[in-house]
N, C-alpha and C. Protein backbone atom coordinates (compact mmCIF):
# COMPACT_ATOMS: atom_id res chain seq x y z
N ARG A 1 0.82 -1.21 0.00
CA ARG A 1 0.00 0.00 0.00
C ARG A 1 0.86 1.26 0.00
N HIS A 2 2.06 1.16 0.43
CA HIS A 2 2.96 2.32 0.47
C HIS A 2 2.36 3.47 1.27
N LYS A 3 1.98 3.18 2.49
CA LYS A 3 1.39 4.23 3.33
C LYS A 3 1.80 4.04 4.78
N VAL A 4 1.61 5.11 5.53
CA VAL A 4 1.84 5.09 6.97
C VAL A 4 0.53 5.49 7.61
N PRO A 5 0.03 4.79 8.61
CA PRO A 5 0.67 3.65 9.23
C PRO A 5 0.46 2.38 8.44
N PHE A 6 1.33 1.43 8.68
CA PHE A 6 1.17 0.10 8.11
C PHE A 6 1.71 -0.88 9.14
N TYR A 7 0.95 -1.93 9.42
CA TYR A 7 1.35 -2.94 10.38
C TYR A 7 1.43 -4.28 9.68
N GLU A 8 2.50 -5.01 9.99
CA GLU A 8 2.66 -6.34 9.41
C GLU A 8 3.25 -7.26 10.47
N ASP A 9 2.65 -8.43 10.60
CA ASP A 9 3.25 -9.48 11.42
C ASP A 9 3.17 -10.78 10.63
N ASP A 10 3.39 -11.90 11.28
CA ASP A 10 3.38 -13.17 10.56
C ASP A 10 1.99 -13.61 10.13
N ARG A 11 0.95 -12.88 10.55
CA ARG A 11 -0.43 -13.25 10.22
C ARG A 11 -1.12 -12.30 9.26
N VAL A 12 -0.88 -11.00 9.42
CA VAL A 12 -1.66 -10.01 8.66
C VAL A 12 -0.80 -8.84 8.20
N LYS A 13 -1.36 -8.12 7.23
CA LYS A 13 -0.83 -6.83 6.79
C LYS A 13 -2.01 -5.88 6.83
N ILE A 14 -1.89 -4.81 7.64
CA ILE A 14 -3.01 -3.89 7.85
C ILE A 14 -2.53 -2.46 7.63
N GLY A 15 -3.32 -1.68 6.88
CA GLY A 15 -2.93 -0.31 6.57
C GLY A 15 -3.90 0.76 7.03
N GLU A 16 -4.84 0.45 7.90
CA GLU A 16 -5.76 1.46 8.41
C GLU A 16 -5.63 1.54 9.93
N SER A 17 -5.51 2.76 10.43
CA SER A 17 -5.24 2.98 11.86
C SER A 17 -6.21 2.25 12.78
N ALA A 18 -7.50 2.40 12.55
CA ALA A 18 -8.49 1.78 13.43
C ALA A 18 -8.38 0.26 13.39
N ALA A 19 -8.11 -0.30 12.23
CA ALA A 19 -7.95 -1.75 12.12
C ALA A 19 -6.70 -2.22 12.85
N ILE A 20 -5.62 -1.46 12.74
CA ILE A 20 -4.38 -1.80 13.44
C ILE A 20 -4.60 -1.77 14.95
N VAL A 21 -5.20 -0.70 15.44
CA VAL A 21 -5.46 -0.56 16.87
C VAL A 21 -6.36 -1.69 17.37
N GLY A 22 -7.43 -1.98 16.64
CA GLY A 22 -8.34 -3.06 17.03
C GLY A 22 -7.66 -4.41 17.04
N TYR A 23 -6.88 -4.68 16.01
CA TYR A 23 -6.17 -5.96 15.92
C TYR A 23 -5.20 -6.13 17.08
N LEU A 24 -4.41 -5.09 17.34
CA LEU A 24 -3.43 -5.19 18.42
C LEU A 24 -4.10 -5.32 19.79
N ALA A 25 -5.23 -4.63 19.96
CA ALA A 25 -5.97 -4.76 21.22
C ALA A 25 -6.51 -6.18 21.38
N ASP A 26 -7.06 -6.73 20.31
CA ASP A 26 -7.57 -8.10 20.36
C ASP A 26 -6.45 -9.10 20.66
N ARG A 27 -5.30 -8.91 20.03
CA ARG A 27 -4.19 -9.86 20.17
C ARG A 27 -3.42 -9.70 21.47
N HIS A 28 -3.22 -8.44 21.89
CA HIS A 28 -2.29 -8.20 22.99
C HIS A 28 -2.84 -7.34 24.12
N GLY A 29 -4.05 -6.82 23.96
CA GLY A 29 -4.57 -5.86 24.93
C GLY A 29 -4.89 -6.42 26.29
N GLY A 30 -5.47 -7.61 26.32
CA GLY A 30 -5.82 -8.22 27.60
C GLY A 30 -6.59 -7.27 28.49
N ASP A 31 -6.21 -7.22 29.74
CA ASP A 31 -6.86 -6.32 30.70
C ASP A 31 -6.41 -4.88 30.54
N VAL A 32 -5.28 -4.67 29.88
CA VAL A 32 -4.74 -3.32 29.72
C VAL A 32 -5.53 -2.53 28.69
N LEU A 33 -5.86 -3.14 27.58
CA LEU A 33 -6.58 -2.47 26.50
C LEU A 33 -7.65 -3.41 25.95
N PRO A 34 -8.69 -3.67 26.74
CA PRO A 34 -9.69 -4.64 26.30
C PRO A 34 -10.62 -4.07 25.23
N MET A 35 -11.05 -4.92 24.34
CA MET A 35 -12.07 -4.56 23.35
C MET A 35 -13.42 -4.98 23.93
N ALA A 36 -14.45 -4.23 23.60
CA ALA A 36 -15.80 -4.61 24.01
C ALA A 36 -16.16 -5.94 23.36
N ALA A 37 -16.89 -6.75 24.07
CA ALA A 37 -17.28 -8.07 23.56
C ALA A 37 -18.17 -7.93 22.32
N PRO A 38 -18.01 -8.84 21.34
CA PRO A 38 -18.85 -8.79 20.14
C PRO A 38 -20.33 -8.89 20.47
N ALA A 39 -21.16 -8.31 19.62
CA ALA A 39 -22.63 -8.40 19.71
C ALA A 39 -23.18 -7.83 21.01
N THR A 40 -22.52 -6.79 21.54
CA THR A 40 -23.02 -6.12 22.74
C THR A 40 -23.29 -4.65 22.41
N GLU A 41 -24.09 -4.02 23.25
CA GLU A 41 -24.35 -2.59 23.07
C GLU A 41 -23.05 -1.80 23.19
N GLU A 42 -22.18 -2.22 24.11
CA GLU A 42 -20.90 -1.54 24.28
C GLU A 42 -20.06 -1.60 23.00
N ARG A 43 -20.06 -2.75 22.34
CA ARG A 43 -19.30 -2.91 21.10
C ARG A 43 -19.90 -2.01 20.01
N ALA A 44 -21.23 -1.92 19.95
CA ALA A 44 -21.88 -1.06 18.96
C ALA A 44 -21.49 0.40 19.17
N VAL A 45 -21.49 0.85 20.42
CA VAL A 45 -21.10 2.24 20.71
C VAL A 45 -19.62 2.44 20.39
N LEU A 46 -18.78 1.48 20.74
CA LEU A 46 -17.36 1.58 20.43
C LEU A 46 -17.13 1.70 18.93
N LEU A 47 -17.79 0.86 18.15
CA LEU A 47 -17.64 0.93 16.69
C LEU A 47 -18.16 2.25 16.15
N ASP A 48 -19.30 2.71 16.66
CA ASP A 48 -19.86 3.99 16.22
C ASP A 48 -18.88 5.12 16.48
N ARG A 49 -18.33 5.17 17.67
CA ARG A 49 -17.41 6.26 18.02
C ARG A 49 -16.09 6.14 17.27
N THR A 50 -15.60 4.92 17.13
CA THR A 50 -14.35 4.71 16.38
C THR A 50 -14.51 5.17 14.94
N LEU A 51 -15.59 4.76 14.30
CA LEU A 51 -15.81 5.14 12.90
C LEU A 51 -16.06 6.64 12.78
N PHE A 52 -16.74 7.24 13.74
CA PHE A 52 -16.93 8.69 13.73
C PHE A 52 -15.58 9.40 13.80
N ILE A 53 -14.73 8.96 14.71
CA ILE A 53 -13.40 9.58 14.84
C ILE A 53 -12.64 9.48 13.52
N MET A 54 -12.66 8.32 12.90
CA MET A 54 -11.87 8.12 11.69
C MET A 54 -12.46 8.82 10.47
N THR A 55 -13.78 8.75 10.30
CA THR A 55 -14.37 9.29 9.08
C THR A 55 -14.72 10.77 9.17
N GLU A 56 -15.07 11.23 10.35
CA GLU A 56 -15.51 12.62 10.48
C GLU A 56 -14.40 13.56 10.95
N ILE A 57 -13.43 13.05 11.69
CA ILE A 57 -12.36 13.91 12.20
C ILE A 57 -11.04 13.61 11.49
N ASP A 58 -10.56 12.39 11.59
CA ASP A 58 -9.27 12.04 11.01
C ASP A 58 -9.22 12.33 9.51
N ALA A 59 -10.26 11.98 8.79
CA ALA A 59 -10.26 12.21 7.34
C ALA A 59 -10.18 13.69 7.00
N ARG A 60 -10.85 14.54 7.78
CA ARG A 60 -10.80 15.99 7.52
C ARG A 60 -9.45 16.56 7.92
N LEU A 61 -8.86 16.03 8.99
CA LEU A 61 -7.52 16.47 9.37
C LEU A 61 -6.52 16.10 8.28
N TYR A 62 -6.75 14.98 7.62
CA TYR A 62 -5.87 14.59 6.52
C TYR A 62 -5.97 15.58 5.36
N THR A 63 -7.15 16.11 5.12
CA THR A 63 -7.30 17.16 4.11
C THR A 63 -6.44 18.36 4.48
N LEU A 64 -6.44 18.74 5.75
CA LEU A 64 -5.60 19.85 6.20
C LEU A 64 -4.13 19.52 6.01
N ARG A 65 -3.76 18.28 6.25
CA ARG A 65 -2.37 17.86 6.07
C ARG A 65 -1.96 17.95 4.61
N LEU A 66 -2.80 17.46 3.73
CA LEU A 66 -2.45 17.44 2.31
C LEU A 66 -2.36 18.83 1.70
N HIS A 67 -3.29 19.70 2.06
CA HIS A 67 -3.39 20.98 1.37
C HIS A 67 -2.99 22.19 2.20
N GLY A 68 -2.55 21.96 3.45
CA GLY A 68 -2.13 23.06 4.31
C GLY A 68 -0.69 23.46 4.04
N GLU A 69 -0.32 24.57 4.63
CA GLU A 69 1.04 25.08 4.49
C GLU A 69 1.95 24.43 5.52
N PRO A 70 3.25 24.40 5.23
CA PRO A 70 4.21 23.87 6.21
C PRO A 70 4.15 24.67 7.50
N PRO A 71 4.54 24.13 8.63
CA PRO A 71 5.29 22.89 8.77
C PRO A 71 4.43 21.63 8.80
N ALA A 72 3.12 21.76 9.07
CA ALA A 72 2.29 20.56 9.18
C ALA A 72 1.63 20.16 7.87
N GLY A 73 1.64 21.06 6.89
CA GLY A 73 0.93 20.79 5.65
C GLY A 73 1.84 20.46 4.48
N LEU A 74 1.26 19.87 3.46
CA LEU A 74 2.00 19.44 2.27
C LEU A 74 1.49 20.12 1.00
N ALA A 75 1.06 21.37 1.11
CA ALA A 75 0.52 22.08 -0.05
C ALA A 75 1.52 22.14 -1.20
N ALA A 76 2.80 22.20 -0.90
CA ALA A 76 3.81 22.26 -1.94
C ALA A 76 3.81 20.99 -2.79
N VAL A 77 3.37 19.89 -2.21
CA VAL A 77 3.32 18.61 -2.92
C VAL A 77 1.96 18.39 -3.57
N TYR A 78 0.87 18.62 -2.80
CA TYR A 78 -0.47 18.28 -3.25
C TYR A 78 -1.29 19.46 -3.75
N GLY A 79 -0.77 20.66 -3.60
CA GLY A 79 -1.48 21.84 -4.06
C GLY A 79 -2.31 22.50 -2.97
N ALA A 80 -2.35 23.80 -3.03
CA ALA A 80 -3.15 24.57 -2.07
C ALA A 80 -4.62 24.44 -2.44
N ALA A 81 -5.47 24.44 -1.44
CA ALA A 81 -6.92 24.35 -1.66
C ALA A 81 -7.61 25.11 -0.53
N PRO A 82 -7.59 26.45 -0.59
CA PRO A 82 -8.09 27.24 0.53
C PRO A 82 -9.55 26.97 0.89
N THR A 83 -10.40 26.74 -0.08
CA THR A 83 -11.81 26.47 0.22
C THR A 83 -11.94 25.14 0.95
N ALA A 84 -11.23 24.13 0.49
CA ALA A 84 -11.26 22.82 1.15
C ALA A 84 -10.70 22.92 2.57
N LEU A 85 -9.67 23.73 2.75
CA LEU A 85 -9.08 23.89 4.08
C LEU A 85 -10.06 24.53 5.05
N ARG A 86 -10.73 25.58 4.61
CA ARG A 86 -11.72 26.25 5.47
C ARG A 86 -12.84 25.28 5.85
N ALA A 87 -13.36 24.58 4.85
CA ALA A 87 -14.46 23.64 5.10
C ALA A 87 -14.01 22.51 6.04
N ALA A 88 -12.81 22.00 5.84
CA ALA A 88 -12.31 20.91 6.69
C ALA A 88 -12.15 21.38 8.13
N LYS A 89 -11.59 22.58 8.31
CA LYS A 89 -11.42 23.12 9.67
C LYS A 89 -12.76 23.28 10.37
N GLU A 90 -13.73 23.83 9.66
CA GLU A 90 -15.07 24.01 10.25
C GLU A 90 -15.68 22.66 10.62
N TYR A 91 -15.52 21.69 9.74
CA TYR A 91 -16.11 20.38 9.98
C TYR A 91 -15.43 19.67 11.16
N VAL A 92 -14.11 19.80 11.25
CA VAL A 92 -13.40 19.20 12.38
C VAL A 92 -13.88 19.83 13.68
N HIS A 93 -14.01 21.15 13.69
CA HIS A 93 -14.47 21.83 14.90
C HIS A 93 -15.86 21.33 15.31
N LYS A 94 -16.76 21.22 14.34
CA LYS A 94 -18.11 20.71 14.61
C LYS A 94 -18.05 19.28 15.15
N SER A 95 -17.22 18.46 14.56
CA SER A 95 -17.10 17.06 14.98
C SER A 95 -16.46 16.94 16.36
N LEU A 96 -15.51 17.81 16.67
CA LEU A 96 -14.92 17.79 18.01
C LEU A 96 -15.95 18.17 19.06
N ASN A 97 -16.85 19.08 18.71
CA ASN A 97 -17.94 19.41 19.64
C ASN A 97 -18.80 18.18 19.92
N GLU A 98 -19.02 17.36 18.91
CA GLU A 98 -19.79 16.12 19.11
C GLU A 98 -19.04 15.18 20.05
N THR A 99 -17.74 15.02 19.84
CA THR A 99 -16.99 14.11 20.72
C THR A 99 -16.93 14.65 22.15
N ALA A 100 -16.95 15.97 22.31
CA ALA A 100 -16.96 16.55 23.66
C ALA A 100 -18.21 16.14 24.41
N ARG A 101 -19.32 15.96 23.70
CA ARG A 101 -20.56 15.51 24.34
C ARG A 101 -20.40 14.12 24.96
N TRP A 102 -19.54 13.30 24.37
CA TRP A 102 -19.31 11.97 24.93
C TRP A 102 -18.71 12.06 26.33
N LEU A 103 -18.04 13.16 26.63
CA LEU A 103 -17.32 13.32 27.90
C LEU A 103 -18.07 14.19 28.90
N GLN A 104 -19.21 14.73 28.52
CA GLN A 104 -19.92 15.68 29.37
C GLN A 104 -20.41 15.09 30.68
N ASP A 105 -20.56 13.78 30.74
CA ASP A 105 -21.03 13.17 31.99
C ASP A 105 -19.90 12.98 33.00
N GLY A 106 -18.72 13.48 32.65
CA GLY A 106 -17.59 13.40 33.57
C GLY A 106 -16.68 12.20 33.37
N ARG A 107 -17.04 11.34 32.41
CA ARG A 107 -16.20 10.17 32.15
C ARG A 107 -14.81 10.65 31.70
N PRO A 108 -13.76 9.96 32.08
CA PRO A 108 -12.43 10.39 31.69
C PRO A 108 -12.05 9.98 30.26
N TYR A 109 -12.69 8.93 29.74
CA TYR A 109 -12.31 8.42 28.43
C TYR A 109 -13.54 8.19 27.56
N VAL A 110 -13.32 7.94 26.30
CA VAL A 110 -14.41 7.83 25.32
C VAL A 110 -15.48 6.84 25.74
N MET A 111 -15.07 5.69 26.25
CA MET A 111 -16.04 4.65 26.61
C MET A 111 -16.31 4.56 28.10
N GLY A 112 -15.76 5.46 28.88
CA GLY A 112 -16.04 5.43 30.31
C GLY A 112 -14.80 5.62 31.15
N GLU A 113 -14.66 4.74 32.13
CA GLU A 113 -13.59 4.88 33.13
C GLU A 113 -12.24 4.36 32.66
N ARG A 114 -12.25 3.52 31.62
CA ARG A 114 -11.00 2.90 31.17
C ARG A 114 -10.56 3.43 29.83
N PHE A 115 -9.27 3.70 29.72
CA PHE A 115 -8.66 4.08 28.45
C PHE A 115 -8.81 2.91 27.48
N GLY A 116 -9.16 3.21 26.22
CA GLY A 116 -9.38 2.14 25.26
C GLY A 116 -8.93 2.50 23.86
N THR A 117 -9.31 1.65 22.94
CA THR A 117 -8.86 1.81 21.55
C THR A 117 -9.34 3.11 20.93
N ALA A 118 -10.56 3.52 21.20
CA ALA A 118 -11.07 4.77 20.63
C ALA A 118 -10.26 5.96 21.14
N ASP A 119 -9.74 5.86 22.36
CA ASP A 119 -8.93 6.94 22.92
C ASP A 119 -7.60 7.10 22.18
N ILE A 120 -7.02 6.01 21.75
CA ILE A 120 -5.78 6.08 20.98
C ILE A 120 -6.02 6.91 19.73
N LEU A 121 -7.13 6.64 19.05
CA LEU A 121 -7.45 7.34 17.80
C LEU A 121 -7.84 8.79 18.05
N LEU A 122 -8.68 9.03 19.05
CA LEU A 122 -9.11 10.40 19.33
C LEU A 122 -7.95 11.25 19.83
N ALA A 123 -7.08 10.70 20.66
CA ALA A 123 -5.93 11.46 21.16
C ALA A 123 -5.08 11.97 20.01
N SER A 124 -4.85 11.13 19.03
CA SER A 124 -4.08 11.55 17.86
C SER A 124 -4.77 12.70 17.13
N CYS A 125 -6.07 12.58 16.96
CA CYS A 125 -6.83 13.63 16.27
C CYS A 125 -6.83 14.94 17.04
N VAL A 126 -6.95 14.86 18.35
CA VAL A 126 -6.98 16.07 19.18
C VAL A 126 -5.64 16.81 19.08
N VAL A 127 -4.55 16.07 19.11
CA VAL A 127 -3.23 16.70 18.98
C VAL A 127 -3.07 17.32 17.59
N TRP A 128 -3.49 16.61 16.57
CA TRP A 128 -3.42 17.17 15.21
C TRP A 128 -4.28 18.42 15.08
N ALA A 129 -5.45 18.41 15.67
CA ALA A 129 -6.33 19.59 15.60
C ALA A 129 -5.62 20.82 16.17
N LEU A 130 -4.89 20.65 17.25
CA LEU A 130 -4.15 21.78 17.82
C LEU A 130 -3.08 22.29 16.87
N LEU A 131 -2.45 21.39 16.14
CA LEU A 131 -1.44 21.82 15.16
C LEU A 131 -2.06 22.73 14.10
N TYR A 132 -3.33 22.52 13.82
CA TYR A 132 -4.02 23.33 12.81
C TYR A 132 -4.83 24.45 13.46
N GLU A 133 -4.51 24.73 14.73
CA GLU A 133 -5.12 25.84 15.47
C GLU A 133 -6.64 25.76 15.52
N ILE A 134 -7.13 24.55 15.71
CA ILE A 134 -8.56 24.33 15.88
C ILE A 134 -8.83 24.29 17.38
N GLU A 135 -9.69 25.17 17.83
CA GLU A 135 -9.99 25.28 19.25
C GLU A 135 -10.70 24.03 19.75
N LEU A 136 -10.26 23.55 20.90
CA LEU A 136 -10.88 22.38 21.51
C LEU A 136 -11.96 22.81 22.48
N PRO A 137 -13.13 22.17 22.45
CA PRO A 137 -14.13 22.41 23.49
C PRO A 137 -13.53 22.03 24.85
N THR A 138 -13.97 22.67 25.91
CA THR A 138 -13.40 22.45 27.24
C THR A 138 -13.25 20.98 27.62
N PRO A 139 -14.28 20.14 27.46
CA PRO A 139 -14.09 18.73 27.85
C PRO A 139 -12.95 18.05 27.08
N LEU A 140 -12.74 18.45 25.82
CA LEU A 140 -11.66 17.83 25.04
C LEU A 140 -10.30 18.39 25.44
N GLY A 141 -10.24 19.64 25.87
CA GLY A 141 -8.99 20.18 26.38
C GLY A 141 -8.55 19.42 27.63
N GLU A 142 -9.49 19.17 28.51
CA GLU A 142 -9.20 18.40 29.73
C GLU A 142 -8.83 16.96 29.37
N TYR A 143 -9.55 16.39 28.42
CA TYR A 143 -9.27 15.04 27.93
C TYR A 143 -7.84 14.97 27.39
N ARG A 144 -7.47 15.96 26.58
CA ARG A 144 -6.13 16.00 26.00
C ARG A 144 -5.07 15.93 27.10
N HIS A 145 -5.24 16.72 28.14
CA HIS A 145 -4.26 16.70 29.23
C HIS A 145 -4.16 15.31 29.85
N ARG A 146 -5.29 14.63 30.00
CA ARG A 146 -5.28 13.27 30.57
C ARG A 146 -4.53 12.30 29.67
N VAL A 147 -4.85 12.31 28.38
CA VAL A 147 -4.28 11.28 27.51
C VAL A 147 -2.82 11.53 27.19
N VAL A 148 -2.42 12.78 27.00
CA VAL A 148 -1.02 13.02 26.64
C VAL A 148 -0.08 12.86 27.82
N SER A 149 -0.61 12.84 29.03
CA SER A 149 0.24 12.62 30.20
C SER A 149 0.44 11.14 30.48
N ARG A 150 -0.27 10.28 29.76
CA ARG A 150 -0.12 8.84 29.96
C ARG A 150 1.27 8.38 29.49
N PRO A 151 1.91 7.51 30.24
CA PRO A 151 3.24 7.03 29.83
C PRO A 151 3.25 6.40 28.44
N GLY A 152 2.18 5.69 28.07
CA GLY A 152 2.13 5.08 26.75
C GLY A 152 2.12 6.11 25.63
N PHE A 153 1.41 7.22 25.84
CA PHE A 153 1.39 8.29 24.85
C PHE A 153 2.79 8.88 24.71
N GLN A 154 3.42 9.16 25.84
CA GLN A 154 4.77 9.73 25.82
C GLN A 154 5.75 8.79 25.12
N ALA A 155 5.65 7.51 25.40
CA ALA A 155 6.55 6.54 24.77
C ALA A 155 6.31 6.48 23.26
N ALA A 156 5.05 6.53 22.85
CA ALA A 156 4.74 6.50 21.42
C ALA A 156 5.29 7.73 20.71
N MET A 157 5.13 8.90 21.32
CA MET A 157 5.64 10.12 20.71
C MET A 157 7.16 10.09 20.63
N ALA A 158 7.81 9.63 21.68
CA ALA A 158 9.27 9.55 21.68
C ALA A 158 9.75 8.55 20.63
N SER A 159 8.99 7.47 20.45
CA SER A 159 9.35 6.47 19.45
C SER A 159 9.22 7.03 18.04
N ASN A 160 8.18 7.83 17.81
CA ASN A 160 7.97 8.42 16.48
C ASN A 160 9.02 9.47 16.16
N ASP A 161 9.32 10.34 17.12
CA ASP A 161 10.28 11.42 16.90
C ASP A 161 10.70 11.96 18.26
N PRO A 162 11.81 11.47 18.79
CA PRO A 162 12.23 11.86 20.14
C PRO A 162 12.34 13.37 20.33
N SER A 163 12.67 14.10 19.29
CA SER A 163 12.84 15.54 19.44
C SER A 163 11.52 16.28 19.61
N ARG A 164 10.40 15.62 19.28
CA ARG A 164 9.11 16.31 19.34
C ARG A 164 8.19 15.79 20.43
N ALA A 165 8.63 14.83 21.20
CA ALA A 165 7.81 14.32 22.30
C ALA A 165 7.73 15.39 23.38
N THR A 166 6.52 15.71 23.81
CA THR A 166 6.32 16.72 24.84
C THR A 166 5.37 16.19 25.89
N THR A 167 5.31 16.86 27.00
CA THR A 167 4.40 16.43 28.05
C THR A 167 2.99 16.94 27.82
N ASP A 168 2.81 17.98 27.02
CA ASP A 168 1.45 18.49 26.82
C ASP A 168 0.84 18.06 25.50
N GLY A 169 1.60 17.45 24.62
CA GLY A 169 1.06 16.96 23.37
C GLY A 169 0.75 18.04 22.35
N ALA A 170 1.04 19.30 22.65
CA ALA A 170 0.69 20.38 21.73
C ALA A 170 1.45 20.30 20.43
N ASP A 171 2.67 19.81 20.48
CA ASP A 171 3.44 19.69 19.24
C ASP A 171 4.00 18.28 19.09
N ALA A 172 3.24 17.32 19.58
CA ALA A 172 3.73 15.95 19.63
C ALA A 172 3.79 15.26 18.28
N LEU A 173 3.07 15.74 17.29
CA LEU A 173 3.10 15.04 16.00
C LEU A 173 3.91 15.79 14.98
């Protein structure tokens, strides 16, 4: 596929973030990163939120990446598209407001009290949104502080680029 991310082991080759996260959670998550059981209401909500994060937020952030200006954008490669950039930013902001509603009951993470697979995906999107100067609703700002302070987040950022790993996640990607 010639893309990032891409995961390969002796069993599978996977090129979509949500599929990679789900596969690794199923294979290695155990009690640390459990997946909701199949055919349950919890699994339905998890899938709904995961797909919302990927299709409504991540995909629009990718538009900003492709057509935005450096340092985070690749307009020099893919061409500038100011109308698409404005629309994508507005849509991401609207979608982040929706995800903030998931946290309004005081839950610390997307699915409740435990950090899970949807949090891995949303945390990445929240950090990217900040790079594009998209304002986070208050619950997501608080959420960001929780997730970027996790040792696993810090280790992942340091693994990706040690010079850009930070404790606040503002410039972690």
